[in-house]
């Protein structure tokens, strides 16, 4: 059974930090490179950071150096450490396989709101 359960979001002031977690079902996701995506109101979902092997990968210059993805395969959990958060980071954050399409299973996501 597919399972992606994101948590750790909340309201944070600009410049603050958050650590998101994603618990995934083992049989389906443990062999895949996993990553984090986000979708802001009125915008398309976008990839922000992920883990391929032991490497943290981020594809967006705006997140470079601020977002770090990591993974604990023993606990079947993916993490996203976010620092120096900006108001434009406000979005619902999701985890999934790197390259996951819109037609694949997605969890409920976790809301991150950056506001003073």
N, C-alpha and C. Protein backbone atom coordinates (compact mmCIF):
# COMPACT_ATOMS: atom_id res chain seq x y z
N UNK A 1 0.85 -1.19 0.00
CA UNK A 1 0.00 0.00 0.00
C UNK A 1 0.88 1.23 0.00
N UNK A 2 0.54 2.16 -0.89
CA UNK A 2 1.32 3.39 -0.96
C UNK A 2 1.06 4.25 0.26
N UNK A 3 2.12 4.84 0.78
CA UNK A 3 1.99 5.69 1.95
C UNK A 3 3.06 6.76 1.90
N UNK A 4 2.64 7.99 1.96
CA UNK A 4 3.52 9.14 2.07
C UNK A 4 2.87 10.07 3.08
N UNK A 5 3.47 10.22 4.24
CA UNK A 5 2.88 11.04 5.29
C UNK A 5 3.86 12.13 5.65
N UNK A 6 3.53 13.35 5.23
CA UNK A 6 4.37 14.51 5.50
C UNK A 6 3.94 15.20 6.80
N UNK A 7 4.90 15.76 7.52
CA UNK A 7 4.59 16.49 8.75
C UNK A 7 5.70 17.49 9.04
N UNK A 8 5.44 18.34 10.02
CA UNK A 8 6.45 19.28 10.46
C UNK A 8 6.25 20.71 10.00
N UNK A 9 5.24 20.94 9.18
CA UNK A 9 4.99 22.30 8.72
C UNK A 9 4.42 23.16 9.82
N UNK A 10 4.25 24.44 9.52
CA UNK A 10 3.69 25.36 10.49
C UNK A 10 3.92 26.78 10.08
N UNK A 11 3.66 27.68 11.02
CA UNK A 11 3.85 29.11 10.80
C UNK A 11 5.21 29.50 11.39
N UNK A 12 6.01 30.16 10.59
CA UNK A 12 7.33 30.57 11.03
C UNK A 12 7.62 31.97 10.52
N UNK A 13 8.38 32.72 11.27
CA UNK A 13 8.73 34.08 10.84
C UNK A 13 9.83 34.04 9.79
N UNK A 14 9.91 35.06 8.95
CA UNK A 14 11.02 35.14 7.99
C UNK A 14 12.36 35.02 8.70
N UNK A 15 13.25 34.24 8.11
CA UNK A 15 14.55 33.98 8.72
C UNK A 15 14.57 32.77 9.62
N UNK A 16 13.40 32.21 9.88
CA UNK A 16 13.31 31.06 10.76
C UNK A 16 13.63 29.75 10.05
N UNK A 17 13.51 28.67 10.80
CA UNK A 17 13.84 27.34 10.30
C UNK A 17 12.72 26.36 10.60
N UNK A 18 12.64 25.34 9.78
CA UNK A 18 11.71 24.23 10.00
C UNK A 18 12.35 22.96 9.50
N UNK A 19 11.95 21.85 10.10
CA UNK A 19 12.38 20.55 9.63
C UNK A 19 11.15 19.72 9.32
N UNK A 20 11.00 19.38 8.06
CA UNK A 20 9.88 18.55 7.63
C UNK A 20 10.28 17.09 7.62
N UNK A 21 9.29 16.23 7.84
CA UNK A 21 9.51 14.79 7.80
C UNK A 21 8.51 14.14 6.87
N UNK A 22 8.91 13.04 6.30
CA UNK A 22 8.02 12.27 5.42
C UNK A 22 8.29 10.79 5.68
N UNK A 23 7.26 10.13 6.17
CA UNK A 23 7.34 8.68 6.36
C UNK A 23 6.77 8.01 5.12
N UNK A 24 7.51 7.09 4.55
CA UNK A 24 7.06 6.44 3.32
C UNK A 24 6.98 4.93 3.51
N UNK A 25 6.08 4.33 2.73
CA UNK A 25 5.94 2.88 2.81
C UNK A 25 7.17 2.23 2.19
N UNK A 26 7.66 1.23 2.82
CA UNK A 26 8.97 0.70 2.49
C UNK A 26 9.03 0.00 1.14
N UNK A 27 8.13 -0.89 0.89
CA UNK A 27 8.24 -1.71 -0.30
C UNK A 27 8.19 -0.88 -1.58
N UNK A 28 7.44 0.19 -1.54
CA UNK A 28 7.26 0.96 -2.78
C UNK A 28 8.30 2.05 -2.97
N UNK A 29 8.83 2.59 -1.89
CA UNK A 29 9.66 3.78 -2.04
C UNK A 29 11.11 3.60 -1.61
N UNK A 30 11.42 2.54 -0.91
CA UNK A 30 12.75 2.48 -0.33
C UNK A 30 13.85 2.36 -1.38
N UNK A 31 13.53 1.90 -2.56
CA UNK A 31 14.54 1.74 -3.60
C UNK A 31 14.66 2.94 -4.52
N UNK A 32 13.82 3.95 -4.30
CA UNK A 32 13.80 5.10 -5.19
C UNK A 32 14.55 6.28 -4.57
N UNK A 33 15.10 7.11 -5.45
CA UNK A 33 15.57 8.42 -5.02
C UNK A 33 14.34 9.24 -4.66
N UNK A 34 14.38 9.90 -3.53
CA UNK A 34 13.22 10.63 -3.02
C UNK A 34 13.53 12.10 -2.91
N UNK A 35 12.47 12.90 -2.99
CA UNK A 35 12.67 14.33 -2.90
C UNK A 35 11.47 15.05 -2.36
N UNK A 36 11.63 16.36 -2.22
CA UNK A 36 10.59 17.24 -1.73
C UNK A 36 10.12 18.16 -2.85
N UNK A 37 8.83 18.40 -2.86
CA UNK A 37 8.19 19.30 -3.80
C UNK A 37 7.35 20.28 -3.00
N UNK A 38 6.97 21.36 -3.65
CA UNK A 38 6.06 22.29 -3.00
C UNK A 38 5.13 22.90 -4.03
N UNK A 39 3.96 23.31 -3.53
CA UNK A 39 2.99 23.96 -4.40
C UNK A 39 2.42 25.16 -3.66
N UNK A 40 2.69 26.32 -4.21
CA UNK A 40 2.15 27.55 -3.65
C UNK A 40 0.79 27.84 -4.30
N UNK A 41 -0.05 28.61 -3.65
CA UNK A 41 -1.37 28.92 -4.22
C UNK A 41 -1.26 29.50 -5.62
N UNK A 42 -2.01 28.91 -6.55
CA UNK A 42 -2.03 29.41 -7.91
C UNK A 42 -0.83 29.05 -8.75
N UNK A 43 0.05 28.21 -8.21
CA UNK A 43 1.26 27.84 -8.95
C UNK A 43 1.34 26.32 -9.13
N UNK A 44 2.19 25.91 -10.07
CA UNK A 44 2.42 24.50 -10.31
C UNK A 44 3.29 23.92 -9.19
N UNK A 45 3.14 22.65 -8.96
CA UNK A 45 4.02 21.99 -8.00
C UNK A 45 5.44 21.96 -8.58
N UNK A 46 6.43 22.23 -7.73
CA UNK A 46 7.81 22.27 -8.19
C UNK A 46 8.70 21.45 -7.26
N UNK A 47 9.75 20.91 -7.85
CA UNK A 47 10.73 20.16 -7.08
C UNK A 47 11.65 21.15 -6.38
N UNK A 48 12.00 20.87 -5.10
CA UNK A 48 12.90 21.78 -4.40
C UNK A 48 14.20 21.13 -3.97
N UNK A 49 14.16 19.89 -3.50
CA UNK A 49 15.40 19.25 -3.04
C UNK A 49 15.15 17.76 -2.88
N UNK A 50 16.19 16.98 -3.01
CA UNK A 50 16.04 15.54 -2.86
C UNK A 50 17.34 14.86 -2.53
N UNK A 51 17.29 13.56 -2.44
CA UNK A 51 18.45 12.76 -2.11
C UNK A 51 18.61 11.66 -3.15
N UNK A 52 19.79 11.62 -3.76
CA UNK A 52 20.13 10.53 -4.68
C UNK A 52 21.37 9.87 -4.10
N UNK A 53 21.22 8.66 -3.64
CA UNK A 53 22.32 8.01 -2.95
C UNK A 53 22.63 8.78 -1.68
N UNK A 54 23.86 9.21 -1.54
CA UNK A 54 24.26 9.99 -0.38
C UNK A 54 24.32 11.48 -0.67
N UNK A 55 23.88 11.87 -1.82
CA UNK A 55 24.00 13.27 -2.22
C UNK A 55 22.69 14.03 -2.09
N UNK A 56 22.77 15.22 -1.55
CA UNK A 56 21.62 16.11 -1.52
C UNK A 56 21.58 16.84 -2.85
N UNK A 57 20.45 16.86 -3.48
CA UNK A 57 20.29 17.49 -4.77
C UNK A 57 19.24 18.58 -4.66
N UNK A 58 19.53 19.77 -5.06
CA UNK A 58 18.49 20.78 -5.18
C UNK A 58 18.62 21.43 -6.54
N UNK A 59 17.49 21.67 -7.14
CA UNK A 59 17.45 22.15 -8.51
C UNK A 59 17.10 23.61 -8.64
N UNK A 60 16.94 24.28 -7.55
CA UNK A 60 16.53 25.67 -7.63
C UNK A 60 17.54 26.55 -6.94
N UNK A 61 17.99 27.58 -7.62
CA UNK A 61 18.99 28.47 -7.04
C UNK A 61 18.48 29.16 -5.78
N UNK A 62 17.16 29.40 -5.73
CA UNK A 62 16.64 30.12 -4.57
C UNK A 62 16.73 29.30 -3.30
N UNK A 63 16.77 27.95 -3.45
CA UNK A 63 16.86 27.11 -2.27
C UNK A 63 18.29 26.68 -1.95
N UNK A 64 19.19 26.96 -2.88
CA UNK A 64 20.56 26.47 -2.70
C UNK A 64 21.17 27.02 -1.42
N UNK A 65 21.66 26.11 -0.63
CA UNK A 65 22.28 26.50 0.63
C UNK A 65 21.29 26.71 1.75
N UNK A 66 20.01 26.76 1.45
CA UNK A 66 19.00 26.96 2.50
C UNK A 66 18.24 25.69 2.81
N UNK A 67 18.03 24.84 1.81
CA UNK A 67 17.27 23.61 1.99
C UNK A 67 18.20 22.41 1.84
N UNK A 68 18.08 21.48 2.77
CA UNK A 68 18.89 20.26 2.70
C UNK A 68 17.99 19.06 2.94
N UNK A 69 17.97 18.14 1.97
CA UNK A 69 17.21 16.91 2.13
C UNK A 69 18.12 15.82 2.64
N UNK A 70 17.56 14.96 3.48
CA UNK A 70 18.31 13.81 3.98
C UNK A 70 17.35 12.66 4.17
N UNK A 71 17.93 11.49 4.40
CA UNK A 71 17.09 10.30 4.42
C UNK A 71 17.61 9.32 5.47
N UNK A 72 16.68 8.70 6.18
CA UNK A 72 17.01 7.63 7.09
C UNK A 72 16.28 6.39 6.62
N UNK A 73 16.97 5.51 5.93
CA UNK A 73 16.30 4.34 5.37
C UNK A 73 15.85 3.36 6.44
N UNK A 74 16.54 3.33 7.55
CA UNK A 74 16.14 2.43 8.63
C UNK A 74 14.77 2.81 9.17
N UNK A 75 14.53 4.12 9.26
CA UNK A 75 13.25 4.61 9.77
C UNK A 75 12.29 4.95 8.64
N UNK A 76 12.72 4.72 7.39
CA UNK A 76 11.86 4.99 6.23
C UNK A 76 11.33 6.41 6.25
N UNK A 77 12.23 7.34 6.51
CA UNK A 77 11.84 8.73 6.66
C UNK A 77 12.75 9.62 5.84
N UNK A 78 12.14 10.56 5.16
CA UNK A 78 12.83 11.60 4.41
C UNK A 78 12.67 12.90 5.16
N UNK A 79 13.73 13.71 5.21
CA UNK A 79 13.68 14.97 5.93
C UNK A 79 13.99 16.13 4.99
N UNK A 80 13.48 17.30 5.35
CA UNK A 80 13.88 18.53 4.66
C UNK A 80 14.17 19.58 5.74
N UNK A 81 15.42 19.92 5.87
CA UNK A 81 15.81 20.99 6.78
C UNK A 81 15.80 22.30 6.01
N UNK A 82 15.02 23.24 6.47
CA UNK A 82 14.89 24.53 5.80
C UNK A 82 15.36 25.62 6.74
N UNK A 83 16.24 26.46 6.27
CA UNK A 83 16.75 27.57 7.07
C UNK A 83 16.55 28.88 6.32
N UNK A 84 16.66 29.99 7.06
CA UNK A 84 16.51 31.32 6.48
C UNK A 84 15.27 31.39 5.57
N UNK A 85 14.17 30.97 6.11
CA UNK A 85 12.94 30.90 5.32
C UNK A 85 12.47 32.29 4.89
N UNK A 86 11.91 32.33 3.69
CA UNK A 86 11.42 33.56 3.09
C UNK A 86 9.91 33.46 2.89
N UNK A 87 9.22 34.59 2.82
CA UNK A 87 7.77 34.52 2.57
C UNK A 87 7.42 33.75 1.31
N UNK A 88 8.28 33.80 0.29
CA UNK A 88 8.00 33.08 -0.95
C UNK A 88 8.18 31.57 -0.82
N UNK A 89 8.65 31.11 0.33
CA UNK A 89 8.71 29.68 0.59
C UNK A 89 7.37 29.13 1.07
N UNK A 90 6.41 30.01 1.30
CA UNK A 90 5.08 29.58 1.73
C UNK A 90 4.45 28.69 0.68
N UNK A 91 4.07 27.49 1.09
CA UNK A 91 3.51 26.50 0.16
C UNK A 91 3.12 25.25 0.94
N UNK A 92 2.44 24.35 0.25
CA UNK A 92 2.25 23.00 0.78
C UNK A 92 3.42 22.16 0.27
N UNK A 93 4.07 21.47 1.18
CA UNK A 93 5.24 20.68 0.84
C UNK A 93 4.89 19.19 0.82
N UNK A 94 5.37 18.53 -0.22
CA UNK A 94 5.10 17.11 -0.43
C UNK A 94 6.42 16.36 -0.63
N UNK A 95 6.39 15.09 -0.33
CA UNK A 95 7.52 14.23 -0.68
C UNK A 95 7.05 13.20 -1.70
N UNK A 96 7.99 12.72 -2.49
CA UNK A 96 7.70 11.67 -3.46
C UNK A 96 8.99 11.23 -4.12
N UNK A 97 8.87 10.27 -5.01
CA UNK A 97 10.02 9.86 -5.80
C UNK A 97 10.49 11.05 -6.64
N UNK A 98 11.77 11.14 -6.86
CA UNK A 98 12.26 12.16 -7.78
C UNK A 98 11.75 11.82 -9.17
N UNK A 99 11.12 12.79 -9.81
CA UNK A 99 10.53 12.58 -11.12
C UNK A 99 9.09 12.11 -11.09
N UNK A 100 8.48 12.06 -9.92
CA UNK A 100 7.08 11.63 -9.83
C UNK A 100 6.18 12.57 -10.62
N UNK A 101 5.24 12.00 -11.34
CA UNK A 101 4.32 12.79 -12.13
C UNK A 101 3.03 13.06 -11.40
N UNK A 102 2.21 13.92 -12.01
CA UNK A 102 0.95 14.31 -11.39
C UNK A 102 -0.01 13.13 -11.25
N UNK A 103 0.17 12.11 -12.08
CA UNK A 103 -0.75 10.99 -12.06
C UNK A 103 -0.35 9.92 -11.05
N UNK A 104 0.69 10.16 -10.30
CA UNK A 104 1.10 9.20 -9.28
C UNK A 104 0.48 9.53 -7.94
N UNK A 105 0.61 8.61 -7.00
CA UNK A 105 0.06 8.83 -5.68
C UNK A 105 0.83 9.94 -4.97
N UNK A 106 0.10 10.87 -4.35
CA UNK A 106 0.69 11.94 -3.55
C UNK A 106 0.02 11.95 -2.18
N UNK A 107 0.78 12.27 -1.16
CA UNK A 107 0.22 12.40 0.17
C UNK A 107 -0.51 13.72 0.34
N UNK A 108 -0.91 14.01 1.56
CA UNK A 108 -1.68 15.23 1.86
C UNK A 108 -0.80 16.47 1.91
N UNK A 109 0.48 16.28 2.10
CA UNK A 109 1.37 17.43 2.20
C UNK A 109 1.32 18.06 3.58
N UNK A 110 2.23 19.01 3.81
CA UNK A 110 2.26 19.76 5.06
C UNK A 110 2.44 21.24 4.73
N UNK A 111 1.61 22.07 5.35
CA UNK A 111 1.59 23.50 5.04
C UNK A 111 2.72 24.21 5.76
N UNK A 112 3.48 24.99 5.00
CA UNK A 112 4.51 25.86 5.56
C UNK A 112 4.10 27.29 5.24
N UNK A 113 3.99 28.11 6.27
CA UNK A 113 3.64 29.51 6.10
C UNK A 113 4.72 30.36 6.73
N UNK A 114 5.32 31.23 5.92
CA UNK A 114 6.37 32.11 6.39
C UNK A 114 5.82 33.53 6.40
N UNK A 115 5.63 34.04 7.59
CA UNK A 115 5.01 35.35 7.71
C UNK A 115 5.35 35.96 9.05
N UNK A 116 5.45 37.28 9.06
CA UNK A 116 5.69 37.98 10.32
C UNK A 116 4.36 38.40 10.93
